[in-house]
Amino acid sequence: MSKNYQIKDLIGKSSATNQMRNVVYHFVRYMQEKELDDNEIRIRLKRMGKNIAKTMNPLFDFRSKSPENLIKQIYRTLLHSKVSISKKGHLYEVKDEGCALCKYHRKDISVSPGTIIPPMVAAILGQHGYKVIESSVLFAKSLGDNVCTHTYEILEDD
């Protein structure tokens, strides 16, 4: 008897991560072929990230008393990444050496597929009561950098 799989069943499977990475790479290439400018591609990827958060957050029991630990939990659970985080004031800088969406340098794209990640994480943080002012990709392995680095400006109650 066949089983109907749910999204949560696929999280944690390396094949699902590989397929997601490939789909996003192809989607970025497709948008470039359709002559969308880099800014429009980024806007669309960011929208996708926010939409993914709406789907994923209810499926998982994310709990943490600090933004830093919640960020680590999101990356570990959804992206299978162990990240390091440095904080300067309200700015959190997340370094991900094993970024699921930017595993390889691709010379034929000009926008990182990992552009989906910061708005997804920011939206989940927002659903947990944190006010994220801005999130962005600072460095991306897919664009030739040594490590993926994402930033989050988060206002916290003092």
C-alpha atoms as a PDB file:
ATOM      1  CA  MET A   1       0.000   0.000   0.000  1.00  0.00           C
ATOM      2  CA  SER A   2       1.425   3.406  -0.927  1.00  0.00           C
ATOM      3  CA  LYS A   3       1.814   6.187   1.558  1.00  0.00           C
ATOM      4  CA  ASN A   4       0.919   9.814   0.969  1.00  0.00           C
ATOM      5  CA  TYR A   5       3.931  11.750   2.199  1.00  0.00           C
ATOM      6  CA  GLN A   6       3.656  15.091   3.929  1.00  0.00           C
ATOM      7  CA  ILE A   7       6.170  17.939   3.734  1.00  0.00           C
ATOM      8  CA  LYS A   8       7.383  17.129   7.246  1.00  0.00           C
ATOM      9  CA  ASP A   9       8.222  13.576   6.082  1.00  0.00           C
ATOM     10  CA  LEU A  10      10.626  14.956   3.495  1.00  0.00           C
ATOM     11  CA  ILE A  11      12.481  17.342   5.800  1.00  0.00           C
ATOM     12  CA  GLY A  12      15.710  15.703   6.838  1.00  0.00           C
ATOM     13  CA  LYS A  13      16.088  13.658   3.679  1.00  0.00           C
ATOM     14  CA  SER A  14      19.197  14.523   1.666  1.00  0.00           C
ATOM     15  CA  SER A  15      17.368  13.764  -1.578  1.00  0.00           C
ATOM     16  CA  ALA A  16      14.785  16.453  -0.780  1.00  0.00           C
ATOM     17  CA  THR A  17      17.542  18.984  -0.063  1.00  0.00           C
ATOM     18  CA  ASN A  18      19.341  18.108  -3.304  1.00  0.00           C
ATOM     19  CA  GLN A  19      16.124  18.462  -5.300  1.00  0.00           C
ATOM     20  CA  MET A  20      15.334  21.828  -3.698  1.00  0.00           C
ATOM     21  CA  ARG A  21      18.836  23.108  -4.500  1.00  0.00           C
ATOM     22  CA  ASN A  22      18.544  21.943  -8.119  1.00  0.00           C
ATOM     23  CA  VAL A  23      15.076  23.424  -8.551  1.00  0.00           C
ATOM     24  CA  VAL A  24      16.144  26.818  -7.240  1.00  0.00           C
ATOM     25  CA  TYR A  25      19.263  26.878  -9.444  1.00  0.00           C
ATOM     26  CA  HIS A  26      17.138  26.074 -12.493  1.00  0.00           C
ATOM     27  CA  PHE A  27      14.550  28.654 -11.482  1.00  0.00           C
ATOM     28  CA  VAL A  28      17.228  31.379 -11.195  1.00  0.00           C
ATOM     29  CA  ARG A  29      18.620  30.383 -14.603  1.00  0.00           C
ATOM     30  CA  TYR A  30      15.111  30.408 -16.096  1.00  0.00           C
ATOM     31  CA  MET A  31      14.439  33.924 -14.779  1.00  0.00           C
ATOM     32  CA  GLN A  32      17.781  35.104 -16.199  1.00  0.00           C
ATOM     33  CA  GLU A  33      16.895  33.560 -19.580  1.00  0.00           C
ATOM     34  CA  LYS A  34      13.605  35.485 -19.452  1.00  0.00           C
ATOM     35  CA  GLU A  35      15.763  38.596 -18.969  1.00  0.00           C
ATOM     36  CA  LEU A  36      14.531  39.517 -15.517  1.00  0.00           C
ATOM     37  CA  ASP A  37      17.037  41.823 -13.884  1.00  0.00           C
ATOM     38  CA  ASP A  38      18.857  40.716 -10.744  1.00  0.00           C
ATOM     39  CA  ASN A  39      16.722  42.917  -8.495  1.00  0.00           C
ATOM     40  CA  GLU A  40      13.484  41.348  -9.778  1.00  0.00           C
ATOM     41  CA  ILE A  41      14.951  37.855  -9.313  1.00  0.00           C
ATOM     42  CA  ARG A  42      15.884  38.732  -5.722  1.00  0.00           C
ATOM     43  CA  ILE A  43      12.363  40.072  -5.075  1.00  0.00           C
ATOM     44  CA  ARG A  44      10.822  36.832  -6.326  1.00  0.00           C
ATOM     45  CA  LEU A  45      13.198  34.625  -4.328  1.00  0.00           C
ATOM     46  CA  LYS A  46      12.532  36.651  -1.175  1.00  0.00           C
ATOM     47  CA  ARG A  47       8.783  36.248  -1.703  1.00  0.00           C
ATOM     48  CA  MET A  48       9.309  32.497  -2.065  1.00  0.00           C
ATOM     49  CA  GLY A  49      11.249  32.438   1.223  1.00  0.00           C
ATOM     50  CA  LYS A  50       8.438  34.197   3.061  1.00  0.00           C
ATOM     51  CA  ASN A  51       5.893  31.778   1.589  1.00  0.00           C
ATOM     52  CA  ILE A  52       7.994  28.766   2.567  1.00  0.00           C
ATOM     53  CA  ALA A  53       8.055  30.075   6.152  1.00  0.00           C
ATOM     54  CA  LYS A  54       4.254  30.199   6.237  1.00  0.00           C
ATOM     55  CA  THR A  55       4.183  26.516   5.294  1.00  0.00           C
ATOM     56  CA  MET A  56       7.064  25.275   7.436  1.00  0.00           C
ATOM     57  CA  ASN A  57       6.677  27.101  10.744  1.00  0.00           C
ATOM     58  CA  PRO A  58       3.398  25.394  11.744  1.00  0.00           C
ATOM     59  CA  LEU A  59       4.942  21.966  11.085  1.00  0.00           C
ATOM     60  CA  PHE A  60       7.699  22.333  13.662  1.00  0.00           C
ATOM     61  CA  ASP A  61       7.852  23.124  17.326  1.00  0.00           C
ATOM     62  CA  PHE A  62      10.482  25.859  17.252  1.00  0.00           C
ATOM     63  CA  ARG A  63      11.164  27.034  20.785  1.00  0.00           C
ATOM     64  CA  SER A  64      13.879  29.248  22.086  1.00  0.00           C
ATOM     65  CA  LYS A  65      14.307  32.091  24.518  1.00  0.00           C
ATOM     66  CA  SER A  66      16.784  33.973  22.333  1.00  0.00           C
ATOM     67  CA  PRO A  67      16.903  34.967  18.667  1.00  0.00           C
ATOM     68  CA  GLU A  68      20.367  33.396  18.346  1.00  0.00           C
ATOM     69  CA  ASN A  69      19.213  29.966  19.506  1.00  0.00           C
ATOM     70  CA  LEU A  70      16.038  30.158  17.432  1.00  0.00           C
ATOM     71  CA  ILE A  71      18.090  30.993  14.326  1.00  0.00           C
ATOM     72  CA  LYS A  72      20.352  27.998  15.002  1.00  0.00           C
ATOM     73  CA  GLN A  73      17.315  25.757  15.487  1.00  0.00           C
ATOM     74  CA  ILE A  74      15.709  26.928  12.203  1.00  0.00           C
ATOM     75  CA  TYR A  75      18.912  26.394  10.197  1.00  0.00           C
ATOM     76  CA  ARG A  76      19.498  22.984  11.790  1.00  0.00           C
ATOM     77  CA  THR A  77      15.916  21.767  11.325  1.00  0.00           C
ATOM     78  CA  LEU A  78      15.039  23.147   7.888  1.00  0.00           C
ATOM     79  CA  LEU A  79      18.432  23.430   6.193  1.00  0.00           C
ATOM     80  CA  HIS A  80      20.497  20.761   8.001  1.00  0.00           C
ATOM     81  CA  SER A  81      23.147  23.373   8.721  1.00  0.00           C
ATOM     82  CA  LYS A  82      25.246  23.956  11.786  1.00  0.00           C
ATOM     83  CA  VAL A  83      25.831  27.689  11.749  1.00  0.00           C
ATOM     84  CA  SER A  84      27.971  30.076  13.729  1.00  0.00           C
ATOM     85  CA  ILE A  85      26.517  33.410  14.779  1.00  0.00           C
ATOM     86  CA  SER A  86      28.159  36.647  15.804  1.00  0.00           C
ATOM     87  CA  LYS A  87      26.178  39.552  17.200  1.00  0.00           C
ATOM     88  CA  LYS A  88      26.992  43.251  17.084  1.00  0.00           C
ATOM     89  CA  GLY A  89      24.235  45.341  18.605  1.00  0.00           C
ATOM     90  CA  HIS A  90      21.022  44.354  16.829  1.00  0.00           C
ATOM     91  CA  LEU A  91      22.838  42.737  13.901  1.00  0.00           C
ATOM     92  CA  TYR A  92      23.213  38.966  13.793  1.00  0.00           C
ATOM     93  CA  GLU A  93      25.695  37.600  11.261  1.00  0.00           C
ATOM     94  CA  VAL A  94      25.107  33.929  10.450  1.00  0.00           C
ATOM     95  CA  LYS A  95      27.905  31.953   8.785  1.00  0.00           C
ATOM     96  CA  ASP A  96      26.884  28.743   7.086  1.00  0.00           C
ATOM     97  CA  GLU A  97      29.743  26.725   5.620  1.00  0.00           C
ATOM     98  CA  GLY A  98      27.403  23.954   4.451  1.00  0.00           C
ATOM     99  CA  CYS A  99      24.593  26.059   2.983  1.00  0.00           C
ATOM    100  CA  ALA A 100      22.001  23.701   1.510  1.00  0.00           C
ATOM    101  CA  LEU A 101      21.134  25.969  -1.414  1.00  0.00           C
ATOM    102  CA  CYS A 102      24.629  27.215  -2.271  1.00  0.00           C
ATOM    103  CA  LYS A 103      26.725  24.086  -2.169  1.00  0.00           C
ATOM    104  CA  TYR A 104      28.500  24.778  -5.461  1.00  0.00           C
ATOM    105  CA  HIS A 105      29.874  27.860  -7.189  1.00  0.00           C
ATOM    106  CA  ARG A 106      27.836  28.398 -10.363  1.00  0.00           C
ATOM    107  CA  LYS A 107      29.343  30.793 -12.872  1.00  0.00           C
ATOM    108  CA  ASP A 108      26.148  31.009 -14.932  1.00  0.00           C
ATOM    109  CA  ILE A 109      24.021  32.721 -12.271  1.00  0.00           C
ATOM    110  CA  SER A 110      24.253  36.216 -10.851  1.00  0.00           C
ATOM    111  CA  VAL A 111      21.788  35.869  -7.941  1.00  0.00           C
ATOM    112  CA  SER A 112      22.338  33.354  -5.172  1.00  0.00           C
ATOM    113  CA  PRO A 113      19.664  30.668  -4.706  1.00  0.00           C
ATOM    114  CA  GLY A 114      20.317  31.198  -0.985  1.00  0.00           C
ATOM    115  CA  THR A 115      18.490  34.514  -1.315  1.00  0.00           C
ATOM    116  CA  ILE A 116      15.431  32.489  -0.268  1.00  0.00           C
ATOM    117  CA  ILE A 117      16.903  31.727   3.164  1.00  0.00           C
ATOM    118  CA  PRO A 118      17.059  35.098   5.025  1.00  0.00           C
ATOM    119  CA  PRO A 119      13.427  36.084   4.367  1.00  0.00           C
ATOM    120  CA  MET A 120      12.291  32.568   5.296  1.00  0.00           C
ATOM    121  CA  VAL A 121      14.196  32.672   8.592  1.00  0.00           C
ATOM    122  CA  ALA A 122      13.114  36.287   9.217  1.00  0.00           C
ATOM    123  CA  ALA A 123       9.452  35.370   8.697  1.00  0.00           C
ATOM    124  CA  ILE A 124       9.716  32.484  11.163  1.00  0.00           C
ATOM    125  CA  LEU A 125      11.440  34.778  13.665  1.00  0.00           C
ATOM    126  CA  GLY A 126       8.578  37.241  13.162  1.00  0.00           C
ATOM    127  CA  GLN A 127       6.021  34.507  13.821  1.00  0.00           C
ATOM    128  CA  HIS A 128       7.796  33.958  17.150  1.00  0.00           C
ATOM    129  CA  GLY A 129       7.541  37.584  18.222  1.00  0.00           C
ATOM    130  CA  TYR A 130      10.855  39.003  17.020  1.00  0.00           C
ATOM    131  CA  LYS A 131      10.890  42.149  14.923  1.00  0.00           C
ATOM    132  CA  VAL A 132      13.284  41.660  12.013  1.00  0.00           C
ATOM    133  CA  ILE A 133      14.068  45.016  10.430  1.00  0.00           C
ATOM    134  CA  GLU A 134      16.180  43.630   7.609  1.00  0.00           C
ATOM    135  CA  SER A 135      17.670  40.349   6.433  1.00  0.00           C
ATOM    136  CA  SER A 136      20.090  39.757   3.588  1.00  0.00           C
ATOM    137  CA  VAL A 137      22.736  37.608   1.924  1.00  0.00           C
ATOM    138  CA  LEU A 138      26.172  39.096   2.519  1.00  0.00           C
ATOM    139  CA  PHE A 139      28.250  36.295   0.943  1.00  0.00           C
ATOM    140  CA  ALA A 140      27.260  33.200  -1.051  1.00  0.00           C
ATOM    141  CA  LYS A 141      29.198  30.084  -2.009  1.00  0.00           C
ATOM    142  CA  SER A 142      27.079  29.850  -5.160  1.00  0.00           C
ATOM    143  CA  LEU A 143      28.576  33.168  -6.279  1.00  0.00           C
ATOM    144  CA  GLY A 144      32.155  32.160  -5.492  1.00  0.00           C
ATOM    145  CA  ASP A 145      32.557  33.144  -1.841  1.00  0.00           C
ATOM    146  CA  ASN A 146      34.121  30.706   0.645  1.00  0.00           C
ATOM    147  CA  VAL A 147      31.142  30.693   3.003  1.00  0.00           C
ATOM    148  CA  CYS A 148      27.519  31.796   2.970  1.00  0.00           C
ATOM    149  CA  THR A 149      26.832  34.660   5.342  1.00  0.00           C
ATOM    150  CA  HIS A 150      23.363  35.966   6.087  1.00  0.00           C
ATOM    151  CA  THR A 151      22.535  38.968   8.249  1.00  0.00           C
ATOM    152  CA  TYR A 152      19.498  39.730  10.386  1.00  0.00           C
ATOM    153  CA  GLU A 153      18.790  43.025  12.096  1.00  0.00           C
ATOM    154  CA  ILE A 154      16.533  42.130  15.001  1.00  0.00           C
ATOM    155  CA  LEU A 155      14.997  44.508  17.519  1.00  0.00           C
ATOM    156  CA  GLU A 156      14.606  42.925  20.926  1.00  0.00           C
ATOM    157  CA  ASP A 157      12.807  44.084  24.025  1.00  0.00           C
ATOM    158  CA  ASP A 158      15.443  45.310  26.451  1.00  0.00           C
END
